[in-house]
């Protein structure tokens, strides 16, 4: 089950988790989320603790004060490679600057057709297991299979 499906959050929180200028860094105990949308981003930096692959707790005031997950937890959940990296105990997984994974030559890569601009050859109607409702995964957005919601 995708981590996003394990969180309860409002539509407003979901939208903010997508469009605010978050910066992420791996930290002991989870992921540090800094909100670059604020005039003083260093004053809006919070640790999101990951438990069993799910952003479980955030140090921000909203996570304690309101019901459901805060925008920081949702922002981490919708960035699956970030969550995967935070869950790696040995730190062996690498993340590319575009949010994708850095693969080794030994890892299996999806079949692509050069005539389709690098898009997966999979049936265009095939449901992606990484996409959740209106939240397309990065690979589907990058390859043009799905568009970001407005």
Protein backbone atom coordinates (compact mmCIF):
# COMPACT_ATOMS: atom_id res chain seq x y z
CA UNK A 1 0.00 0.00 0.00
CA UNK A 2 1.31 3.44 -0.93
CA UNK A 3 2.21 5.56 2.14
CA UNK A 4 -0.17 8.29 1.01
CA UNK A 5 -3.08 5.89 1.39
CA UNK A 6 -2.17 5.42 5.06
CA UNK A 7 -2.53 9.13 5.88
CA UNK A 8 -5.68 11.13 6.56
CA UNK A 9 -5.51 14.71 5.22
CA UNK A 10 -7.65 17.45 3.70
CA UNK A 11 -7.66 18.60 0.08
CA UNK A 12 -6.16 21.91 1.22
CA UNK A 13 -3.23 20.10 2.85
CA UNK A 14 -2.75 17.97 -0.28
CA UNK A 15 -2.55 21.02 -2.52
CA UNK A 16 -0.12 22.82 -0.24
CA UNK A 17 2.06 19.71 -0.04
CA UNK A 18 2.39 19.83 -3.83
CA UNK A 19 2.94 23.50 -4.56
CA UNK A 20 4.89 24.94 -1.64
CA UNK A 21 8.65 25.21 -2.13
CA UNK A 22 9.77 22.43 0.19
CA UNK A 23 13.41 21.44 0.56
CA UNK A 24 14.22 18.01 1.96
CA UNK A 25 17.24 16.51 3.66
CA UNK A 26 17.73 13.12 5.21
CA UNK A 27 18.28 13.37 8.96
CA UNK A 28 18.76 10.89 11.77
CA UNK A 29 15.24 9.75 12.62
CA UNK A 30 13.57 10.91 9.41
CA UNK A 31 13.44 13.73 6.89
CA UNK A 32 13.97 17.41 7.63
CA UNK A 33 11.50 19.53 5.65
CA UNK A 34 12.21 23.23 5.13
CA UNK A 35 9.53 25.46 3.66
CA UNK A 36 11.27 27.75 1.20
CA UNK A 37 7.96 29.54 0.53
CA UNK A 38 8.39 31.57 3.72
CA UNK A 39 10.41 34.79 3.97
CA UNK A 40 12.54 33.10 6.68
CA UNK A 41 12.71 29.43 5.66
CA UNK A 42 15.12 28.56 8.51
CA UNK A 43 12.27 29.34 10.92
CA UNK A 44 10.01 26.84 9.12
CA UNK A 45 12.07 23.67 9.27
CA UNK A 46 10.64 20.51 10.85
CA UNK A 47 11.64 16.88 11.32
CA UNK A 48 9.21 14.32 9.91
CA UNK A 49 9.71 10.94 11.60
CA UNK A 50 9.23 7.87 9.41
CA UNK A 51 7.74 4.70 10.94
CA UNK A 52 7.29 1.53 8.87
CA UNK A 53 7.73 3.50 5.65
CA UNK A 54 5.08 6.10 6.52
CA UNK A 55 5.59 9.74 7.60
CA UNK A 56 4.14 9.27 11.10
CA UNK A 57 4.90 12.42 13.07
CA UNK A 58 6.02 15.97 12.29
CA UNK A 59 7.53 18.45 14.74
CA UNK A 60 5.44 21.32 13.29
CA UNK A 61 2.69 22.95 15.37
CA UNK A 62 -0.04 22.02 12.84
CA UNK A 63 0.64 18.28 13.14
CA UNK A 64 -0.04 18.42 16.86
CA UNK A 65 -2.88 20.94 16.76
CA UNK A 66 -5.06 19.63 13.91
CA UNK A 67 -6.59 16.28 12.96
CA UNK A 68 -4.93 14.43 10.11
CA UNK A 69 -1.48 14.67 8.60
CA UNK A 70 0.19 18.04 8.15
CA UNK A 71 1.46 19.32 4.78
CA UNK A 72 5.04 18.31 5.66
CA UNK A 73 4.07 14.66 6.20
CA UNK A 74 2.03 14.61 2.99
CA UNK A 75 4.87 16.31 1.08
CA UNK A 76 7.23 13.52 2.15
CA UNK A 77 4.66 10.79 1.38
CA UNK A 78 4.11 11.97 -2.22
CA UNK A 79 7.84 11.84 -2.90
CA UNK A 80 8.32 8.09 -2.85
CA UNK A 81 12.07 8.09 -3.66
CA UNK A 82 12.64 10.38 -0.67
CA UNK A 83 10.66 8.05 1.60
CA UNK A 84 12.54 5.04 0.26
CA UNK A 85 15.87 6.76 0.92
CA UNK A 86 14.81 7.69 4.45
CA UNK A 87 13.92 4.06 5.09
CA UNK A 88 17.21 2.65 3.87
CA UNK A 89 19.10 1.55 6.95
CA UNK A 90 22.44 1.20 5.18
CA UNK A 91 22.14 4.36 3.07
CA UNK A 92 22.93 2.43 -0.12
CA UNK A 93 20.19 4.01 -2.21
CA UNK A 94 20.93 7.17 -4.14
CA UNK A 95 18.48 9.82 -5.25
CA UNK A 96 18.90 11.81 -8.46
CA UNK A 97 18.49 15.57 -8.50
CA UNK A 98 15.18 15.23 -10.38
CA UNK A 99 13.75 13.06 -7.58
CA UNK A 100 14.25 9.78 -9.42
CA UNK A 101 16.50 6.95 -8.43
CA UNK A 102 20.04 6.47 -9.55
CA UNK A 103 20.13 2.94 -10.92
CA UNK A 104 23.08 0.67 -11.27
CA UNK A 105 23.71 -1.03 -14.61
CA UNK A 106 22.67 -4.31 -12.99
CA UNK A 107 19.16 -3.07 -12.12
CA UNK A 108 16.37 -3.89 -14.53
CA UNK A 109 15.14 -0.86 -16.43
CA UNK A 110 11.69 -0.54 -17.99
CA UNK A 111 11.45 -1.26 -21.68
CA UNK A 112 11.26 1.95 -23.68
CA UNK A 113 10.62 2.67 -27.31
CA UNK A 114 12.80 5.43 -28.82
CA UNK A 115 9.92 6.30 -31.16
CA UNK A 116 7.75 7.18 -28.15
CA UNK A 117 10.07 9.85 -26.72
CA UNK A 118 11.34 7.51 -24.00
CA UNK A 119 7.89 6.71 -22.61
CA UNK A 120 7.25 3.24 -21.21
CA UNK A 121 5.99 0.76 -23.77
CA UNK A 122 3.40 -0.37 -21.23
CA UNK A 123 -0.23 0.03 -22.22
CA UNK A 124 -1.12 3.71 -21.74
CA UNK A 125 -4.26 2.68 -19.84
CA UNK A 126 -2.35 0.44 -17.42
CA UNK A 127 -2.76 1.68 -13.85
CA UNK A 128 0.54 2.65 -12.26
CA UNK A 129 1.00 1.21 -8.76
CA UNK A 130 2.97 4.29 -7.66
CA UNK A 131 0.23 6.82 -8.60
CA UNK A 132 -2.40 7.54 -5.98
CA UNK A 133 -5.69 9.10 -7.13
CA UNK A 134 -4.86 12.67 -8.22
CA UNK A 135 -1.18 12.31 -7.22
CA UNK A 136 0.77 10.99 -10.22
CA UNK A 137 4.20 9.53 -9.53
CA UNK A 138 7.25 11.33 -10.87
CA UNK A 139 7.92 8.68 -13.52
CA UNK A 140 4.42 9.08 -15.02
CA UNK A 141 4.78 12.88 -15.06
CA UNK A 142 8.34 12.74 -16.45
CA UNK A 143 7.38 10.36 -19.25
CA UNK A 144 4.16 12.21 -20.13
CA UNK A 145 1.79 9.40 -19.13
CA UNK A 146 0.04 11.72 -16.64
CA UNK A 147 -0.14 15.44 -15.90
CA UNK A 148 0.21 17.21 -12.58
CA UNK A 149 -3.15 18.30 -11.15
CA UNK A 150 -3.92 22.00 -11.11
